[in-house]
Amino acid sequence: MDPALLAPPGGSTHPPRILLLYGSLRPQSFSRKLALEAERLLRHLGCETRVFDPHDLPVLDSVAADHPKVRELRALSLWSEGQVWVSPERHGAVTGVFKNQIDWLPLEDGSVRPTQGRTLAVMQVCGGSQSFNVVNALRVLGRWMRMVTIPNQSSVAKAWQEFDADGRMKPSAFYERVIDVMEELVKFTWLVRDRSAYLVDRYSERNGANASTVLTAAAGVVEPRPLAADDEPPPKQIACKPPVAGARACCA
């Protein structure tokens, strides 16, 4: 891979920073094994990586947002320039373990947006035949989180057959697809990371910010200045007289 073909002239040269999330707490979690396999590939491709452990992450809103695991997850998302999401399929959808992690990531926190403009690769593991329910759902989540989701994806069927006793993925068409996905993620991250602020800039938000500035200025209190010698005196206030019985009040 040649970053010079991807990064803008004079752009960032540090290794792409990638966060990996997986969606199972089982000791032999295949989504975790797939995430770790992806991490090995990303490091081979020159990336700096972090894998978030979802153990001990409380259910959303059961604790305050200053819980250590919540702060860890949000800090990692801010640190990242790209992310990999891996979930098993449970009842045709992503697992609660995975969705809970996404739910703890706010769309915005003041002026900070922990996911906006970051690249995203989505993958799933299946206990049976190949399915795409989860990767499709993850794409929807990525769109809502304002992320740049890459075109390629991976769905590993019968995942229990695809890993050896050491947790490494066996050579197969599934493994080659995972390599394809990680290569594409790294390329898109090099392309996007120095341009993300411009790419996600929106007319509606600029327009809203301008309107807010105008309203704030209009609502501001203007300090009165002393009258100059040639200023006209302010008009006298005309008080309403009490209405005559049977007459219409002047302010009615």
Foldseek 3Di string as FASTA:
>chain_A
DDLVVAADVVDDDAAAEEEEEEFDDDPLDLLVLLSVQLVVLSVVVPHHYDYQDLPPPDAPPPDDCVPPSNVVLLVSLQVHQAYEYEAEADPLEGDPSRVRSLVSQDCDDVPRGSAAQHEYAYEYEYLADWDCSYVVVVVVSCVVSNHHYDPAYAYHHNSVVQADPVSHGDDDPRSVSSSVRSVRNSSVSSNGRVPRVVVPDDPVVVVVVVVVVVVVVVPDDDDDDDDDPPDDDDDDDDDFDDDDVPDDGPVD
